[in-house]
Amino acid sequence: MKIAPRAIDAFVQAPPANVRAVLIYGQDDGLVRERSDMLVKTQVADPGDPFCTVNLKASSLKTDPARLGDEANALSFGGGGRVVTVDEGADSLAPIFADFLKRATPQSALVIITAPALPARSKLRTLFEKTPNAAALACYADDSRTLGDLIRKTLAPLNMKPSADAMAFLLHNLGSDRALTRNELEKLVLYKGGPGTISLEDVRAAIGDSAASSLDDVVYACAGGNLQALDGAIARAFEDGNPPVKILRAQSYHFMRIHQAVSDVQSGQSPAMAVKALRPPVFYKFVDPFTEHVRLWAGKKRLSRALDRLLEAEMDCKTTGIPDQAVCARALMAIAQIARR
């Protein structure tokens, strides 16, 4: 079954007893891992106990498909719950899971499989969405609402509140990965040290913006088709410690925002009005170039090509063994060429 986004939090805190396998997938690795860990904790008292949890690699299941059922039906040493996790989910595992779900019993251990972003036509995703004793959970990058909620829920119990400028900075620079967002908020809490209003200066001092600035340079040079600027921006982004996958996701997020604005333009709004209506709002210093990108990428087919190329590059970074920086740079350059054309 397919779990609606608004129901996911309740599901991971108390999964239905009839569900024997859960697929957690999406571009946000940190959120995928967070939800997987939460599910594990609903099944076992000590997630670190090797007698209660077992992790299987996708490659091992391909060579020994029966192992999934064997591990799920094995008894926990000393009694109690048991959970099986599978990393690197892919469509090649769909037949193995289809067979397992047909044979699974209420006594079988819960199986949790994590995967990167999967398209709607994915065989593995379709299987989990349509099978009654399975569930599929999509993990999308935080939008302004979910990111704002996360920031407030993290800071409010400590009697900390960001100023309007500080919140705008956080919304602009966080959100590409849930784990990274939590780490940055922890740094901010430690820096502030106690209750009170968090200023923009506090945020800049605790989180810094050099890595974020280099990401912005990449994103805007790529979408604007500026090949010379893009080449230098990619090098600086790598030097600032930005992982290739994070860069690709930042670019994807930018194009998804452009896509939303283009849709509004096609509905009758001017590019400037469409950009102004975006939430979270475009950072003030980027309003003009973002508006130009809306005009430049007015064709949705071109946008779809760019987004597909970014998703393909992310999967290549994780699965092919090709140097991920090279994969990232090649994809961004190819997309910039589309912008120039």
C-alpha atoms as a PDB file:
ATOM      1  CA  MET A   1       0.000   0.000   0.000  1.00  0.00           C
ATOM      2  CA  LYS A   2       1.041   3.559  -0.625  1.00  0.00           C
ATOM      3  CA  ILE A   3       1.361   5.707   2.507  1.00  0.00           C
ATOM      4  CA  ALA A   4       0.305   9.320   2.007  1.00  0.00           C
ATOM      5  CA  PRO A   5       2.884  11.925   3.093  1.00  0.00           C
ATOM      6  CA  ARG A   6       0.651  13.223   5.900  1.00  0.00           C
ATOM      7  CA  ALA A   7       0.316   9.679   7.322  1.00  0.00           C
ATOM      8  CA  ILE A   8       3.993   8.675   7.224  1.00  0.00           C
ATOM      9  CA  ASP A   9       4.960   9.982  10.682  1.00  0.00           C
ATOM     10  CA  ALA A  10       2.141   8.017  12.345  1.00  0.00           C
ATOM     11  CA  PHE A  11       3.005   4.927  10.290  1.00  0.00           C
ATOM     12  CA  VAL A  12       6.693   4.816  11.264  1.00  0.00           C
ATOM     13  CA  GLN A  13       5.800   5.229  14.933  1.00  0.00           C
ATOM     14  CA  ALA A  14       3.296   2.344  14.881  1.00  0.00           C
ATOM     15  CA  PRO A  15       3.305   0.252  11.678  1.00  0.00           C
ATOM     16  CA  PRO A  16       0.193  -1.965  11.206  1.00  0.00           C
ATOM     17  CA  ALA A  17       0.686  -5.559  12.370  1.00  0.00           C
ATOM     18  CA  ASN A  18      -0.207  -7.000   8.961  1.00  0.00           C
ATOM     19  CA  VAL A  19       2.635  -5.155   7.187  1.00  0.00           C
ATOM     20  CA  ARG A  20       5.656  -7.438   6.766  1.00  0.00           C
ATOM     21  CA  ALA A  21       7.830  -5.321   4.467  1.00  0.00           C
ATOM     22  CA  VAL A  22       8.340  -1.576   4.077  1.00  0.00           C
ATOM     23  CA  LEU A  23      10.060   0.213   1.199  1.00  0.00           C
ATOM     24  CA  ILE A  24      11.530   3.607   2.132  1.00  0.00           C
ATOM     25  CA  TYR A  25      12.836   5.497  -0.886  1.00  0.00           C
ATOM     26  CA  GLY A  26      13.669   9.003  -2.045  1.00  0.00           C
ATOM     27  CA  GLN A  27      16.342  11.570  -2.787  1.00  0.00           C
ATOM     28  CA  ASP A  28      16.708  12.601   0.863  1.00  0.00           C
ATOM     29  CA  ASP A  29      19.126   9.983   2.213  1.00  0.00           C
ATOM     30  CA  GLY A  30      19.009  11.455   5.696  1.00  0.00           C
ATOM     31  CA  LEU A  31      15.230  11.223   5.893  1.00  0.00           C
ATOM     32  CA  VAL A  32      15.277   7.678   4.461  1.00  0.00           C
ATOM     33  CA  ARG A  33      17.708   6.610   7.179  1.00  0.00           C
ATOM     34  CA  GLU A  34      15.818   8.472   9.911  1.00  0.00           C
ATOM     35  CA  ARG A  35      12.534   6.743   9.073  1.00  0.00           C
ATOM     36  CA  SER A  36      14.223   3.367   8.745  1.00  0.00           C
ATOM     37  CA  ASP A  37      15.771   3.775  12.202  1.00  0.00           C
ATOM     38  CA  MET A  38      12.403   4.738  13.673  1.00  0.00           C
ATOM     39  CA  LEU A  39      10.783   1.632  12.230  1.00  0.00           C
ATOM     40  CA  VAL A  40      13.543  -0.588  13.588  1.00  0.00           C
ATOM     41  CA  LYS A  41      12.953   0.813  17.081  1.00  0.00           C
ATOM     42  CA  THR A  42       9.273  -0.185  16.923  1.00  0.00           C
ATOM     43  CA  GLN A  43      10.303  -3.834  16.501  1.00  0.00           C
ATOM     44  CA  VAL A  44      13.320  -4.372  18.758  1.00  0.00           C
ATOM     45  CA  ALA A  45      14.399  -3.042  22.145  1.00  0.00           C
ATOM     46  CA  ASP A  46      18.066  -2.724  21.152  1.00  0.00           C
ATOM     47  CA  PRO A  47      18.694  -1.921  17.458  1.00  0.00           C
ATOM     48  CA  GLY A  48      22.380  -2.690  17.996  1.00  0.00           C
ATOM     49  CA  ASP A  49      21.725  -6.269  19.096  1.00  0.00           C
ATOM     50  CA  PRO A  50      22.990  -8.538  16.257  1.00  0.00           C
ATOM     51  CA  PHE A  51      20.613 -11.289  17.386  1.00  0.00           C
ATOM     52  CA  CYS A  52      17.610  -9.008  16.821  1.00  0.00           C
ATOM     53  CA  THR A  53      18.645  -7.200  13.645  1.00  0.00           C
ATOM     54  CA  VAL A  54      20.283  -8.404  10.462  1.00  0.00           C
ATOM     55  CA  ASN A  55      21.354  -6.336   7.469  1.00  0.00           C
ATOM     56  CA  LEU A  56      21.383  -7.857   3.988  1.00  0.00           C
ATOM     57  CA  LYS A  57      23.030  -6.432   0.912  1.00  0.00           C
ATOM     58  CA  ALA A  58      21.089  -6.405  -2.326  1.00  0.00           C
ATOM     59  CA  SER A  59      23.945  -8.251  -4.015  1.00  0.00           C
ATOM     60  CA  SER A  60      23.686 -11.149  -1.564  1.00  0.00           C
ATOM     61  CA  LEU A  61      19.961 -11.544  -2.242  1.00  0.00           C
ATOM     62  CA  LYS A  62      20.550 -11.702  -5.974  1.00  0.00           C
ATOM     63  CA  THR A  63      22.851 -14.692  -5.511  1.00  0.00           C
ATOM     64  CA  ASP A  64      20.771 -16.290  -2.749  1.00  0.00           C
ATOM     65  CA  PRO A  65      17.104 -15.151  -2.995  1.00  0.00           C
ATOM     66  CA  ALA A  66      15.910 -17.679  -0.389  1.00  0.00           C
ATOM     67  CA  ARG A  67      17.968 -15.942   2.295  1.00  0.00           C
ATOM     68  CA  LEU A  68      15.377 -13.169   2.637  1.00  0.00           C
ATOM     69  CA  GLY A  69      12.679 -15.597   3.767  1.00  0.00           C
ATOM     70  CA  ASP A  70      15.122 -17.568   5.902  1.00  0.00           C
ATOM     71  CA  GLU A  71      16.236 -14.479   7.827  1.00  0.00           C
ATOM     72  CA  ALA A  72      12.691 -13.122   8.192  1.00  0.00           C
ATOM     73  CA  ASN A  73      11.421 -16.410   9.613  1.00  0.00           C
ATOM     74  CA  ALA A  74      14.375 -17.112  11.908  1.00  0.00           C
ATOM     75  CA  LEU A  75      13.706 -16.917  15.635  1.00  0.00           C
ATOM     76  CA  SER A  76      15.364 -14.199  17.696  1.00  0.00           C
ATOM     77  CA  PHE A  77      17.969 -15.524  20.118  1.00  0.00           C
ATOM     78  CA  GLY A  78      16.418 -15.111  23.564  1.00  0.00           C
ATOM     79  CA  GLY A  79      12.984 -14.257  22.144  1.00  0.00           C
ATOM     80  CA  GLY A  80      11.533 -10.862  21.326  1.00  0.00           C
ATOM     81  CA  GLY A  81      11.108  -9.005  18.057  1.00  0.00           C
ATOM     82  CA  ARG A  82      13.372  -9.174  15.051  1.00  0.00           C
ATOM     83  CA  VAL A  83      13.929  -6.998  11.999  1.00  0.00           C
ATOM     84  CA  VAL A  84      15.696  -7.456   8.651  1.00  0.00           C
ATOM     85  CA  THR A  85      17.062  -4.460   6.716  1.00  0.00           C
ATOM     86  CA  VAL A  86      18.077  -4.414   3.059  1.00  0.00           C
ATOM     87  CA  ASP A  87      20.136  -1.616   1.523  1.00  0.00           C
ATOM     88  CA  GLU A  88      20.428  -0.427  -2.083  1.00  0.00           C
ATOM     89  CA  GLY A  89      16.950  -1.452  -3.193  1.00  0.00           C
ATOM     90  CA  ALA A  90      16.429  -1.699  -6.944  1.00  0.00           C
ATOM     91  CA  ASP A  91      13.930  -3.102  -9.435  1.00  0.00           C
ATOM     92  CA  SER A  92      16.002  -6.271  -9.798  1.00  0.00           C
ATOM     93  CA  LEU A  93      14.829  -7.230  -6.294  1.00  0.00           C
ATOM     94  CA  ALA A  94      11.118  -6.995  -7.163  1.00  0.00           C
ATOM     95  CA  PRO A  95      10.660 -10.733  -7.961  1.00  0.00           C
ATOM     96  CA  ILE A  96      12.428 -11.729  -4.730  1.00  0.00           C
ATOM     97  CA  PHE A  97      10.176  -9.504  -2.628  1.00  0.00           C
ATOM     98  CA  ALA A  98       7.062 -10.555  -4.528  1.00  0.00           C
ATOM     99  CA  ASP A  99       7.793 -14.175  -3.601  1.00  0.00           C
ATOM    100  CA  PHE A 100       8.575 -13.245   0.011  1.00  0.00           C
ATOM    101  CA  LEU A 101       5.363 -11.251   0.464  1.00  0.00           C
ATOM    102  CA  LYS A 102       3.281 -14.178  -0.822  1.00  0.00           C
ATOM    103  CA  ARG A 103       4.837 -16.480   1.774  1.00  0.00           C
ATOM    104  CA  ALA A 104       5.186 -14.062   4.717  1.00  0.00           C
ATOM    105  CA  THR A 105       3.233 -14.849   7.879  1.00  0.00           C
ATOM    106  CA  PRO A 106       2.230 -12.612  10.830  1.00  0.00           C
ATOM    107  CA  GLN A 107       5.188 -14.144  12.703  1.00  0.00           C
ATOM    108  CA  SER A 108       7.732 -13.112  10.052  1.00  0.00           C
ATOM    109  CA  ALA A 109      10.157 -10.364  11.013  1.00  0.00           C
ATOM    110  CA  LEU A 110       9.536  -6.912   9.580  1.00  0.00           C
ATOM    111  CA  VAL A 111      11.712  -6.350   6.503  1.00  0.00           C
ATOM    112  CA  ILE A 112      12.791  -2.770   5.753  1.00  0.00           C
ATOM    113  CA  ILE A 113      14.307  -1.990   2.366  1.00  0.00           C
ATOM    114  CA  THR A 114      15.816   1.405   1.572  1.00  0.00           C
ATOM    115  CA  ALA A 115      16.341   2.786  -1.913  1.00  0.00           C
ATOM    116  CA  PRO A 116      17.191   6.009  -3.753  1.00  0.00           C
ATOM    117  CA  ALA A 117      14.536   7.911  -5.690  1.00  0.00           C
ATOM    118  CA  LEU A 118      12.351   5.525  -7.692  1.00  0.00           C
ATOM    119  CA  PRO A 119      10.170   6.611 -10.636  1.00  0.00           C
ATOM    120  CA  ALA A 120       6.445   5.879 -10.661  1.00  0.00           C
ATOM    121  CA  ARG A 121       7.021   3.062 -13.150  1.00  0.00           C
ATOM    122  CA  SER A 122       9.533   1.308 -10.860  1.00  0.00           C
ATOM    123  CA  LYS A 123       8.683  -2.385 -10.459  1.00  0.00           C
ATOM    124  CA  LEU A 124       9.831  -2.438  -6.840  1.00  0.00           C
ATOM    125  CA  ARG A 125       7.847   0.663  -5.913  1.00  0.00           C
ATOM    126  CA  THR A 126       4.741  -0.585  -7.726  1.00  0.00           C
ATOM    127  CA  LEU A 127       4.942  -3.930  -5.912  1.00  0.00           C
ATOM    128  CA  PHE A 128       5.063  -2.316  -2.470  1.00  0.00           C
ATOM    129  CA  GLU A 129       2.320   0.190  -3.307  1.00  0.00           C
ATOM    130  CA  LYS A 130      -0.102  -2.477  -4.525  1.00  0.00           C
ATOM    131  CA  THR A 131       0.554  -5.339  -2.083  1.00  0.00           C
ATOM    132  CA  PRO A 132      -1.669  -5.354   1.060  1.00  0.00           C
ATOM    133  CA  ASN A 133       1.000  -6.615   3.481  1.00  0.00           C
ATOM    134  CA  ALA A 134       3.654  -4.180   2.216  1.00  0.00           C
ATOM    135  CA  ALA A 135       4.003  -0.403   2.334  1.00  0.00           C
ATOM    136  CA  ALA A 136       5.887   2.235   0.338  1.00  0.00           C
ATOM    137  CA  LEU A 137       7.086   5.477   1.943  1.00  0.00           C
ATOM    138  CA  ALA A 138       8.427   8.309  -0.221  1.00  0.00           C
ATOM    139  CA  CYS A 139      11.025  10.643   1.311  1.00  0.00           C
ATOM    140  CA  TYR A 140      11.077  14.022  -0.393  1.00  0.00           C
ATOM    141  CA  ALA A 141      13.416  16.881   0.442  1.00  0.00           C
ATOM    142  CA  ASP A 142      11.912  19.217   3.028  1.00  0.00           C
ATOM    143  CA  ASP A 143       9.830  22.049   1.596  1.00  0.00           C
ATOM    144  CA  SER A 144       9.284  25.367   3.343  1.00  0.00           C
ATOM    145  CA  ARG A 145       6.508  23.946   5.539  1.00  0.00           C
ATOM    146  CA  THR A 146       8.232  20.774   6.689  1.00  0.00           C
ATOM    147  CA  LEU A 147      11.621  22.487   7.051  1.00  0.00           C
ATOM    148  CA  GLY A 148      10.071  25.313   9.039  1.00  0.00           C
ATOM    149  CA  ASP A 149       8.285  22.806  11.271  1.00  0.00           C
ATOM    150  CA  LEU A 150      11.531  20.905  11.837  1.00  0.00           C
ATOM    151  CA  ILE A 151      13.408  24.082  12.776  1.00  0.00           C
ATOM    152  CA  ARG A 152      10.700  25.171  15.205  1.00  0.00           C
ATOM    153  CA  LYS A 153      10.329  21.715  16.778  1.00  0.00           C
ATOM    154  CA  THR A 154      14.087  21.548  17.311  1.00  0.00           C
ATOM    155  CA  LEU A 155      14.464  25.006  18.827  1.00  0.00           C
ATOM    156  CA  ALA A 156      11.182  25.580  20.690  1.00  0.00           C
ATOM    157  CA  PRO A 157      11.773  22.991  23.496  1.00  0.00           C
ATOM    158  CA  LEU A 158      15.027  24.828  24.234  1.00  0.00           C
ATOM    159  CA  ASN A 159      13.225  28.196  24.362  1.00  0.00           C
ATOM    160  CA  MET A 160      15.083  29.369  21.279  1.00  0.00           C
ATOM    161  CA  LYS A 161      13.404  31.282  18.485  1.00  0.00           C
ATOM    162  CA  PRO A 162      14.987  32.474  15.237  1.00  0.00           C
ATOM    163  CA  SER A 163      14.409  36.024  14.087  1.00  0.00           C
ATOM    164  CA  ALA A 164      12.685  36.546  10.734  1.00  0.00           C
ATOM    165  CA  ASP A 165      16.045  37.098   8.987  1.00  0.00           C
ATOM    166  CA  ALA A 166      17.570  34.061  10.694  1.00  0.00           C
ATOM    167  CA  MET A 167      14.625  31.867   9.671  1.00  0.00           C
ATOM    168  CA  ALA A 168      14.843  33.086   6.068  1.00  0.00           C
ATOM    169  CA  PHE A 169      18.561  32.211   6.036  1.00  0.00           C
ATOM    170  CA  LEU A 170      17.881  28.742   7.469  1.00  0.00           C
ATOM    171  CA  LEU A 171      15.096  28.064   4.960  1.00  0.00           C
ATOM    172  CA  HIS A 172      17.377  29.103   2.111  1.00  0.00           C
ATOM    173  CA  ASN A 173      20.441  27.132   3.173  1.00  0.00           C
ATOM    174  CA  LEU A 174      19.037  23.960   4.760  1.00  0.00           C
ATOM    175  CA  GLY A 175      16.682  21.226   3.631  1.00  0.00           C
ATOM    176  CA  SER A 176      18.492  19.209   0.971  1.00  0.00           C
ATOM    177  CA  ASP A 177      19.138  16.322   3.395  1.00  0.00           C
ATOM    178  CA  ARG A 178      17.376  15.683   6.731  1.00  0.00           C
ATOM    179  CA  ALA A 179      20.486  14.353   8.488  1.00  0.00           C
ATOM    180  CA  LEU A 180      22.584  17.345   7.393  1.00  0.00           C
ATOM    181  CA  THR A 181      19.807  19.706   8.477  1.00  0.00           C
ATOM    182  CA  ARG A 182      19.685  18.149  11.953  1.00  0.00           C
ATOM    183  CA  ASN A 183      23.478  18.368  12.244  1.00  0.00           C
ATOM    184  CA  GLU A 184      23.461  22.052  11.326  1.00  0.00           C
ATOM    185  CA  LEU A 185      20.674  22.793  13.814  1.00  0.00           C
ATOM    186  CA  GLU A 186      22.628  20.990  16.536  1.00  0.00           C
ATOM    187  CA  LYS A 187      25.627  23.196  15.765  1.00  0.00           C
ATOM    188  CA  LEU A 188      23.401  26.260  16.027  1.00  0.00           C
ATOM    189  CA  VAL A 189      22.012  25.133  19.396  1.00  0.00           C
ATOM    190  CA  LEU A 190      25.507  24.540  20.768  1.00  0.00           C
ATOM    191  CA  TYR A 191      26.667  27.920  19.503  1.00  0.00           C
ATOM    192  CA  LYS A 192      23.716  29.788  21.027  1.00  0.00           C
ATOM    193  CA  GLY A 193      24.179  27.952  24.320  1.00  0.00           C
ATOM    194  CA  GLY A 194      20.912  28.981  25.953  1.00  0.00           C
ATOM    195  CA  PRO A 195      17.407  30.366  25.512  1.00  0.00           C
ATOM    196  CA  GLY A 196      16.671  33.520  23.569  1.00  0.00           C
ATOM    197  CA  THR A 197      16.247  34.916  20.094  1.00  0.00           C
ATOM    198  CA  ILE A 198      18.590  33.552  17.453  1.00  0.00           C
ATOM    199  CA  SER A 199      19.836  36.333  15.204  1.00  0.00           C
ATOM    200  CA  LEU A 200      21.052  36.208  11.635  1.00  0.00           C
ATOM    201  CA  GLU A 201      24.570  36.798  12.984  1.00  0.00           C
ATOM    202  CA  ASP A 202      24.215  33.739  15.227  1.00  0.00           C
ATOM    203  CA  VAL A 203      23.180  31.590  12.276  1.00  0.00           C
ATOM    204  CA  ARG A 204      25.994  32.836  10.047  1.00  0.00           C
ATOM    205  CA  ALA A 205      28.547  32.226  12.791  1.00  0.00           C
ATOM    206  CA  ALA A 206      27.301  28.735  13.658  1.00  0.00           C
ATOM    207  CA  ILE A 207      26.445  27.386  10.237  1.00  0.00           C
ATOM    208  CA  GLY A 208      28.413  29.602   7.912  1.00  0.00           C
ATOM    209  CA  ASP A 209      27.494  30.183   4.308  1.00  0.00           C
ATOM    210  CA  SER A 210      30.636  29.519   2.268  1.00  0.00           C
ATOM    211  CA  ALA A 211      29.489  26.032   1.245  1.00  0.00           C
ATOM    212  CA  ALA A 212      25.970  27.324   0.667  1.00  0.00           C
ATOM    213  CA  SER A 213      27.324  30.200  -1.454  1.00  0.00           C
ATOM    214  CA  SER A 214      29.365  27.860  -3.620  1.00  0.00           C
ATOM    215  CA  LEU A 215      26.264  25.711  -4.101  1.00  0.00           C
ATOM    216  CA  ASP A 216      24.295  28.778  -5.197  1.00  0.00           C
ATOM    217  CA  ASP A 217      27.071  29.622  -7.662  1.00  0.00           C
ATOM    218  CA  VAL A 218      26.782  26.157  -9.211  1.00  0.00           C
ATOM    219  CA  VAL A 219      22.990  26.160  -9.315  1.00  0.00           C
ATOM    220  CA  TYR A 220      22.633  29.558 -10.968  1.00  0.00           C
ATOM    221  CA  ALA A 221      25.514  29.131 -13.411  1.00  0.00           C
ATOM    222  CA  CYS A 222      24.137  25.765 -14.545  1.00  0.00           C
ATOM    223  CA  ALA A 223      20.535  26.909 -14.984  1.00  0.00           C
ATOM    224  CA  GLY A 224      21.745  30.072 -16.685  1.00  0.00           C
ATOM    225  CA  GLY A 225      23.925  28.214 -19.175  1.00  0.00           C
ATOM    226  CA  ASN A 226      27.098  30.019 -18.075  1.00  0.00           C
ATOM    227  CA  LEU A 227      29.679  27.315 -18.804  1.00  0.00           C
ATOM    228  CA  GLN A 228      32.752  29.307 -17.813  1.00  0.00           C
ATOM    229  CA  ALA A 229      31.309  30.340 -14.454  1.00  0.00           C
ATOM    230  CA  LEU A 230      29.975  26.834 -13.879  1.00  0.00           C
ATOM    231  CA  ASP A 231      33.385  25.231 -14.316  1.00  0.00           C
ATOM    232  CA  GLY A 232      34.900  27.364 -11.561  1.00  0.00           C
ATOM    233  CA  ALA A 233      31.824  27.075  -9.337  1.00  0.00           C
ATOM    234  CA  ILE A 234      31.911  23.275  -9.439  1.00  0.00           C
ATOM    235  CA  ALA A 235      35.576  23.268  -8.403  1.00  0.00           C
ATOM    236  CA  ARG A 236      34.867  25.648  -5.488  1.00  0.00           C
ATOM    237  CA  ALA A 237      31.844  23.599  -4.383  1.00  0.00           C
ATOM    238  CA  PHE A 238      34.002  20.472  -4.181  1.00  0.00           C
ATOM    239  CA  GLU A 239      36.729  22.384  -2.328  1.00  0.00           C
ATOM    240  CA  ASP A 240      34.137  23.580   0.219  1.00  0.00           C
ATOM    241  CA  GLY A 241      33.268  19.954   0.988  1.00  0.00           C
ATOM    242  CA  ASN A 242      29.959  19.694  -0.860  1.00  0.00           C
ATOM    243  CA  PRO A 243      29.384  16.040  -1.862  1.00  0.00           C
ATOM    244  CA  PRO A 244      28.440  15.505  -5.528  1.00  0.00           C
ATOM    245  CA  VAL A 245      25.039  14.064  -4.595  1.00  0.00           C
ATOM    246  CA  LYS A 246      24.250  17.148  -2.507  1.00  0.00           C
ATOM    247  CA  ILE A 247      25.144  19.386  -5.464  1.00  0.00           C
ATOM    248  CA  LEU A 248      22.941  17.372  -7.805  1.00  0.00           C
ATOM    249  CA  ARG A 249      20.041  17.569  -5.358  1.00  0.00           C
ATOM    250  CA  ALA A 250      20.447  21.322  -4.952  1.00  0.00           C
ATOM    251  CA  GLN A 251      20.273  21.642  -8.735  1.00  0.00           C
ATOM    252  CA  SER A 252      17.201  19.395  -8.871  1.00  0.00           C
ATOM    253  CA  TYR A 253      15.477  21.490  -6.209  1.00  0.00           C
ATOM    254  CA  HIS A 254      16.207  24.655  -8.198  1.00  0.00           C
ATOM    255  CA  PHE A 255      14.685  23.157 -11.341  1.00  0.00           C
ATOM    256  CA  MET A 256      11.610  21.915  -9.462  1.00  0.00           C
ATOM    257  CA  ARG A 257      11.073  25.476  -8.231  1.00  0.00           C
ATOM    258  CA  ILE A 258      11.495  26.753 -11.781  1.00  0.00           C
ATOM    259  CA  HIS A 259       8.955  24.131 -12.904  1.00  0.00           C
ATOM    260  CA  GLN A 260       6.415  25.458 -10.397  1.00  0.00           C
ATOM    261  CA  ALA A 261       6.944  29.029 -11.564  1.00  0.00           C
ATOM    262  CA  VAL A 262       6.693  28.006 -15.234  1.00  0.00           C
ATOM    263  CA  SER A 263       3.363  26.314 -14.491  1.00  0.00           C
ATOM    264  CA  ASP A 264       2.088  29.550 -12.938  1.00  0.00           C
ATOM    265  CA  VAL A 265       3.265  31.533 -15.959  1.00  0.00           C
ATOM    266  CA  GLN A 266       1.402  29.181 -18.279  1.00  0.00           C
ATOM    267  CA  SER A 267      -1.679  29.777 -16.129  1.00  0.00           C
ATOM    268  CA  GLY A 268      -1.506  33.500 -16.847  1.00  0.00           C
ATOM    269  CA  GLN A 269       0.895  35.023 -14.331  1.00  0.00           C
ATOM    270  CA  SER A 270       3.908  37.085 -15.322  1.00  0.00           C
ATOM    271  CA  PRO A 271       7.343  35.564 -14.573  1.00  0.00           C
ATOM    272  CA  ALA A 272       7.897  38.162 -11.844  1.00  0.00           C
ATOM    273  CA  MET A 273       4.554  37.355 -10.192  1.00  0.00           C
ATOM    274  CA  ALA A 274       5.215  33.614 -10.406  1.00  0.00           C
ATOM    275  CA  VAL A 275       8.611  33.993  -8.741  1.00  0.00           C
ATOM    276  CA  LYS A 276       7.186  36.235  -6.025  1.00  0.00           C
ATOM    277  CA  ALA A 277       4.528  33.608  -5.222  1.00  0.00           C
ATOM    278  CA  LEU A 278       7.046  30.816  -4.557  1.00  0.00           C
ATOM    279  CA  ARG A 279       7.327  29.459  -1.018  1.00  0.00           C
ATOM    280  CA  PRO A 280       9.809  29.592   0.542  1.00  0.00           C
ATOM    281  CA  PRO A 281      10.463  32.910  -1.179  1.00  0.00           C
ATOM    282  CA  VAL A 282      13.465  33.247  -3.449  1.00  0.00           C
ATOM    283  CA  PHE A 283      16.339  34.858  -1.552  1.00  0.00           C
ATOM    284  CA  TYR A 284      16.236  38.574  -2.411  1.00  0.00           C
ATOM    285  CA  LYS A 285      19.628  38.700  -4.129  1.00  0.00           C
ATOM    286  CA  PHE A 286      18.608  35.867  -6.479  1.00  0.00           C
ATOM    287  CA  VAL A 287      15.190  37.180  -7.553  1.00  0.00           C
ATOM    288  CA  ASP A 288      16.405  38.677 -10.858  1.00  0.00           C
ATOM    289  CA  PRO A 289      18.462  35.673 -12.051  1.00  0.00           C
ATOM    290  CA  PHE A 290      15.723  33.264 -10.922  1.00  0.00           C
ATOM    291  CA  THR A 291      13.148  35.234 -12.927  1.00  0.00           C
ATOM    292  CA  GLU A 292      15.447  35.017 -15.941  1.00  0.00           C
ATOM    293  CA  HIS A 293      15.692  31.242 -15.464  1.00  0.00           C
ATOM    294  CA  VAL A 294      11.886  31.000 -15.549  1.00  0.00           C
ATOM    295  CA  ARG A 295      11.935  32.691 -18.948  1.00  0.00           C
ATOM    296  CA  LEU A 296      14.882  30.608 -20.140  1.00  0.00           C
ATOM    297  CA  TRP A 297      13.326  27.253 -19.147  1.00  0.00           C
ATOM    298  CA  ALA A 298       9.766  28.007 -20.238  1.00  0.00           C
ATOM    299  CA  GLY A 299       9.457  24.646 -22.027  1.00  0.00           C
ATOM    300  CA  LYS A 300       8.485  21.885 -19.604  1.00  0.00           C
ATOM    301  CA  LYS A 301       9.999  19.198 -21.846  1.00  0.00           C
ATOM    302  CA  ARG A 302      13.409  20.809 -21.431  1.00  0.00           C
ATOM    303  CA  LEU A 303      12.878  20.964 -17.672  1.00  0.00           C
ATOM    304  CA  SER A 304      11.953  17.279 -17.603  1.00  0.00           C
ATOM    305  CA  ARG A 305      15.101  16.419 -19.553  1.00  0.00           C
ATOM    306  CA  ALA A 306      17.211  18.325 -17.043  1.00  0.00           C
ATOM    307  CA  LEU A 307      15.570  16.688 -14.031  1.00  0.00           C
ATOM    308  CA  ASP A 308      15.895  13.224 -15.578  1.00  0.00           C
ATOM    309  CA  ARG A 309      19.586  13.838 -16.245  1.00  0.00           C
ATOM    310  CA  LEU A 310      20.145  14.911 -12.631  1.00  0.00           C
ATOM    311  CA  LEU A 311      18.374  11.844 -11.253  1.00  0.00           C
ATOM    312  CA  GLU A 312      20.349   9.585 -13.573  1.00  0.00           C
ATOM    313  CA  ALA A 313      23.602  11.237 -12.459  1.00  0.00           C
ATOM    314  CA  GLU A 314      22.757  10.730  -8.786  1.00  0.00           C
ATOM    315  CA  MET A 315      22.086   7.039  -9.354  1.00  0.00           C
ATOM    316  CA  ASP A 316      25.353   6.741 -11.305  1.00  0.00           C
ATOM    317  CA  CYS A 317      27.226   8.348  -8.396  1.00  0.00           C
ATOM    318  CA  LYS A 318      25.915   5.633  -6.095  1.00  0.00           C
ATOM    319  CA  THR A 319      26.030   2.542  -8.274  1.00  0.00           C
ATOM    320  CA  THR A 320      28.519   2.658 -11.151  1.00  0.00           C
ATOM    321  CA  GLY A 321      31.864   3.093  -9.408  1.00  0.00           C
ATOM    322  CA  ILE A 322      32.733   5.982 -11.741  1.00  0.00           C
ATOM    323  CA  PRO A 323      34.287   8.899  -9.769  1.00  0.00           C
ATOM    324  CA  ASP A 324      31.259  10.759  -8.454  1.00  0.00           C
ATOM    325  CA  GLN A 325      32.759  14.212  -8.926  1.00  0.00           C
ATOM    326  CA  ALA A 326      33.238  13.483 -12.615  1.00  0.00           C
ATOM    327  CA  VAL A 327      29.671  12.201 -12.955  1.00  0.00           C
ATOM    328  CA  CYS A 328      28.318  15.304 -11.242  1.00  0.00           C
ATOM    329  CA  ALA A 329      30.376  17.776 -13.278  1.00  0.00           C
ATOM    330  CA  ARG A 330      29.531  16.079 -16.586  1.00  0.00           C
ATOM    331  CA  ALA A 331      25.792  16.149 -15.875  1.00  0.00           C
ATOM    332  CA  LEU A 332      25.812  19.817 -14.852  1.00  0.00           C
ATOM    333  CA  MET A 333      27.790  20.817 -17.917  1.00  0.00           C
ATOM    334  CA  ALA A 334      25.380  18.932 -20.176  1.00  0.00           C
ATOM    335  CA  ILE A 335      22.409  20.699 -18.604  1.00  0.00           C
ATOM    336  CA  ALA A 336      24.104  24.081 -18.980  1.00  0.00           C
ATOM    337  CA  GLN A 337      24.511  23.285 -22.677  1.00  0.00           C
ATOM    338  CA  ILE A 338      20.736  22.708 -22.881  1.00  0.00           C
ATOM    339  CA  ALA A 339      20.219  26.167 -21.343  1.00  0.00           C
ATOM    340  CA  ARG A 340      22.522  27.732 -23.932  1.00  0.00           C
ATOM    341  CA  ARG A 341      20.605  26.092 -26.758  1.00  0.00           C
END
